[in-house]
């Protein structure tokens, strides 16, 4: 490749960079943003599906609701003996 051809190639590359450079940079930035938003959307859709399934279960499964209430609020039925299976180090020990 002679000097004249190299100079033409250099000028052509500079012209292409000046013409398409700003638009190309913006396109790449927008493409990255679109990919990030697509990932966020997929995560939100998965979370929505999980919450929707939980909502449906809370409305239709009374056994699940009762178990949730018992475990969350430490509730027992009258005359029911509850034996904890986990060691609670937060609560004071009874002697």
C-alpha atoms as a PDB file:
ATOM      1  CA  UNK A   1       0.000   0.000   0.000  1.00  0.00           C
ATOM      2  CA  UNK A   2       1.558   3.270  -1.043  1.00  0.00           C
ATOM      3  CA  UNK A   3       1.400   6.612   0.837  1.00  0.00           C
ATOM      4  CA  UNK A   4      -1.323   8.015  -1.395  1.00  0.00           C
ATOM      5  CA  UNK A   5      -3.644   5.046  -0.773  1.00  0.00           C
ATOM      6  CA  UNK A   6      -2.957   5.203   2.980  1.00  0.00           C
ATOM      7  CA  UNK A   7      -3.766   8.917   3.020  1.00  0.00           C
ATOM      8  CA  UNK A   8      -7.059   8.321   1.173  1.00  0.00           C
ATOM      9  CA  UNK A   9      -7.951   5.523   3.564  1.00  0.00           C
ATOM     10  CA  UNK A  10      -7.147   7.736   6.565  1.00  0.00           C
ATOM     11  CA  UNK A  11      -9.235  10.608   5.199  1.00  0.00           C
ATOM     12  CA  UNK A  12     -12.078   8.202   4.454  1.00  0.00           C
ATOM     13  CA  UNK A  13     -11.975   6.796   7.983  1.00  0.00           C
ATOM     14  CA  UNK A  14     -11.951  10.294   9.478  1.00  0.00           C
ATOM     15  CA  UNK A  15     -14.911  11.289   7.313  1.00  0.00           C
ATOM     16  CA  UNK A  16     -16.818   8.138   8.329  1.00  0.00           C
ATOM     17  CA  UNK A  17     -16.044   8.745  12.014  1.00  0.00           C
ATOM     18  CA  UNK A  18     -17.172  12.368  11.776  1.00  0.00           C
ATOM     19  CA  UNK A  19     -20.331  11.418   9.920  1.00  0.00           C
ATOM     20  CA  UNK A  20     -21.377   8.273  11.799  1.00  0.00           C
ATOM     21  CA  UNK A  21     -19.442   8.561  15.080  1.00  0.00           C
ATOM     22  CA  UNK A  22     -21.946  10.510  17.211  1.00  0.00           C
ATOM     23  CA  UNK A  23     -24.899   8.517  15.914  1.00  0.00           C
ATOM     24  CA  UNK A  24     -23.065   5.258  16.393  1.00  0.00           C
ATOM     25  CA  UNK A  25     -22.137   6.129  19.971  1.00  0.00           C
ATOM     26  CA  UNK A  26     -25.753   7.064  20.705  1.00  0.00           C
ATOM     27  CA  UNK A  27     -27.000   3.844  19.103  1.00  0.00           C
ATOM     28  CA  UNK A  28     -24.628   1.744  21.268  1.00  0.00           C
ATOM     29  CA  UNK A  29     -25.714   3.636  24.404  1.00  0.00           C
ATOM     30  CA  UNK A  30     -29.384   3.101  23.593  1.00  0.00           C
ATOM     31  CA  UNK A  31     -28.774  -0.579  22.802  1.00  0.00           C
ATOM     32  CA  UNK A  32     -27.134  -1.103  26.219  1.00  0.00           C
ATOM     33  CA  UNK A  33     -29.983   0.704  27.905  1.00  0.00           C
ATOM     34  CA  UNK A  34     -32.541  -1.436  26.032  1.00  0.00           C
ATOM     35  CA  UNK A  35     -30.791  -4.636  27.123  1.00  0.00           C
ATOM     36  CA  UNK A  36     -30.706  -3.462  30.752  1.00  0.00           C
ATOM     37  CA  UNK A  37     -34.399  -2.561  30.632  1.00  0.00           C
ATOM     38  CA  UNK A  38     -35.226  -5.936  29.076  1.00  0.00           C
ATOM     39  CA  UNK A  39     -33.461  -7.690  31.974  1.00  0.00           C
ATOM     40  CA  UNK A  40     -35.331  -5.546  34.504  1.00  0.00           C
ATOM     41  CA  UNK A  41     -38.624  -6.293  32.745  1.00  0.00           C
ATOM     42  CA  UNK A  42     -37.946 -10.040  32.845  1.00  0.00           C
ATOM     43  CA  UNK A  43     -37.171  -9.841  36.572  1.00  0.00           C
ATOM     44  CA  UNK A  44     -40.326  -7.833  37.237  1.00  0.00           C
ATOM     45  CA  UNK A  45     -42.444 -10.250  35.209  1.00  0.00           C
ATOM     46  CA  UNK A  46     -41.048 -13.191  37.198  1.00  0.00           C
ATOM     47  CA  UNK A  47     -41.751 -11.357  40.481  1.00  0.00           C
ATOM     48  CA  UNK A  48     -45.278 -10.541  39.284  1.00  0.00           C
ATOM     49  CA  UNK A  49     -45.935 -14.193  38.414  1.00  0.00           C
ATOM     50  CA  UNK A  50     -44.715 -15.294  41.861  1.00  0.00           C
ATOM     51  CA  UNK A  51     -46.888 -12.718  43.627  1.00  0.00           C
ATOM     52  CA  UNK A  52     -49.877 -13.664  41.495  1.00  0.00           C
ATOM     53  CA  UNK A  53     -49.423 -17.354  42.403  1.00  0.00           C
ATOM     54  CA  UNK A  54     -49.085 -16.418  46.097  1.00  0.00           C
ATOM     55  CA  UNK A  55     -52.257 -14.310  45.873  1.00  0.00           C
ATOM     56  CA  UNK A  56     -54.155 -17.171  44.257  1.00  0.00           C
ATOM     57  CA  UNK A  57     -52.936 -19.603  46.915  1.00  0.00           C
ATOM     58  CA  UNK A  58     -53.935 -17.252  49.726  1.00  0.00           C
ATOM     59  CA  UNK A  59     -57.451 -17.025  48.287  1.00  0.00           C
ATOM     60  CA  UNK A  60     -57.981 -20.724  47.617  1.00  0.00           C
ATOM     61  CA  UNK A  61     -55.920 -22.752  50.117  1.00  0.00           C
ATOM     62  CA  UNK A  62     -57.187 -22.393  53.710  1.00  0.00           C
ATOM     63  CA  UNK A  63     -54.655 -24.919  55.045  1.00  0.00           C
ATOM     64  CA  UNK A  64     -51.796 -22.809  53.661  1.00  0.00           C
ATOM     65  CA  UNK A  65     -53.290 -19.655  55.189  1.00  0.00           C
ATOM     66  CA  UNK A  66     -53.690 -21.334  58.574  1.00  0.00           C
ATOM     67  CA  UNK A  67     -50.098 -22.565  58.510  1.00  0.00           C
ATOM     68  CA  UNK A  68     -48.884 -19.118  57.539  1.00  0.00           C
ATOM     69  CA  UNK A  69     -50.803 -17.508  60.389  1.00  0.00           C
ATOM     70  CA  UNK A  70     -49.583 -20.083  62.892  1.00  0.00           C
ATOM     71  CA  UNK A  71     -45.932 -19.738  61.882  1.00  0.00           C
ATOM     72  CA  UNK A  72     -45.946 -15.951  61.529  1.00  0.00           C
ATOM     73  CA  UNK A  73     -47.873 -15.056  64.680  1.00  0.00           C
ATOM     74  CA  UNK A  74     -46.915 -18.127  66.760  1.00  0.00           C
ATOM     75  CA  UNK A  75     -50.599 -18.903  67.219  1.00  0.00           C
ATOM     76  CA  UNK A  76     -51.902 -22.169  68.666  1.00  0.00           C
ATOM     77  CA  UNK A  77     -55.402 -23.517  69.008  1.00  0.00           C
ATOM     78  CA  UNK A  78     -56.880 -23.840  72.509  1.00  0.00           C
ATOM     79  CA  UNK A  79     -55.570 -26.932  74.346  1.00  0.00           C
ATOM     80  CA  UNK A  80     -52.970 -27.515  71.619  1.00  0.00           C
ATOM     81  CA  UNK A  81     -49.427 -28.345  72.649  1.00  0.00           C
ATOM     82  CA  UNK A  82     -46.781 -26.750  70.421  1.00  0.00           C
ATOM     83  CA  UNK A  83     -43.279 -28.173  70.509  1.00  0.00           C
ATOM     84  CA  UNK A  84     -40.738 -25.869  68.847  1.00  0.00           C
ATOM     85  CA  UNK A  85     -38.370 -27.715  66.538  1.00  0.00           C
ATOM     86  CA  UNK A  86     -35.904 -24.849  66.186  1.00  0.00           C
ATOM     87  CA  UNK A  87     -33.651 -23.423  68.864  1.00  0.00           C
ATOM     88  CA  UNK A  88     -34.664 -19.799  69.474  1.00  0.00           C
ATOM     89  CA  UNK A  89     -31.601 -18.047  70.860  1.00  0.00           C
ATOM     90  CA  UNK A  90     -33.419 -14.680  70.738  1.00  0.00           C
ATOM     91  CA  UNK A  91     -35.915 -15.608  73.445  1.00  0.00           C
ATOM     92  CA  UNK A  92     -34.833 -15.874  77.093  1.00  0.00           C
ATOM     93  CA  UNK A  93     -34.491 -19.392  78.390  1.00  0.00           C
ATOM     94  CA  UNK A  94     -37.062 -20.676  80.875  1.00  0.00           C
ATOM     95  CA  UNK A  95     -35.645 -22.423  83.949  1.00  0.00           C
END
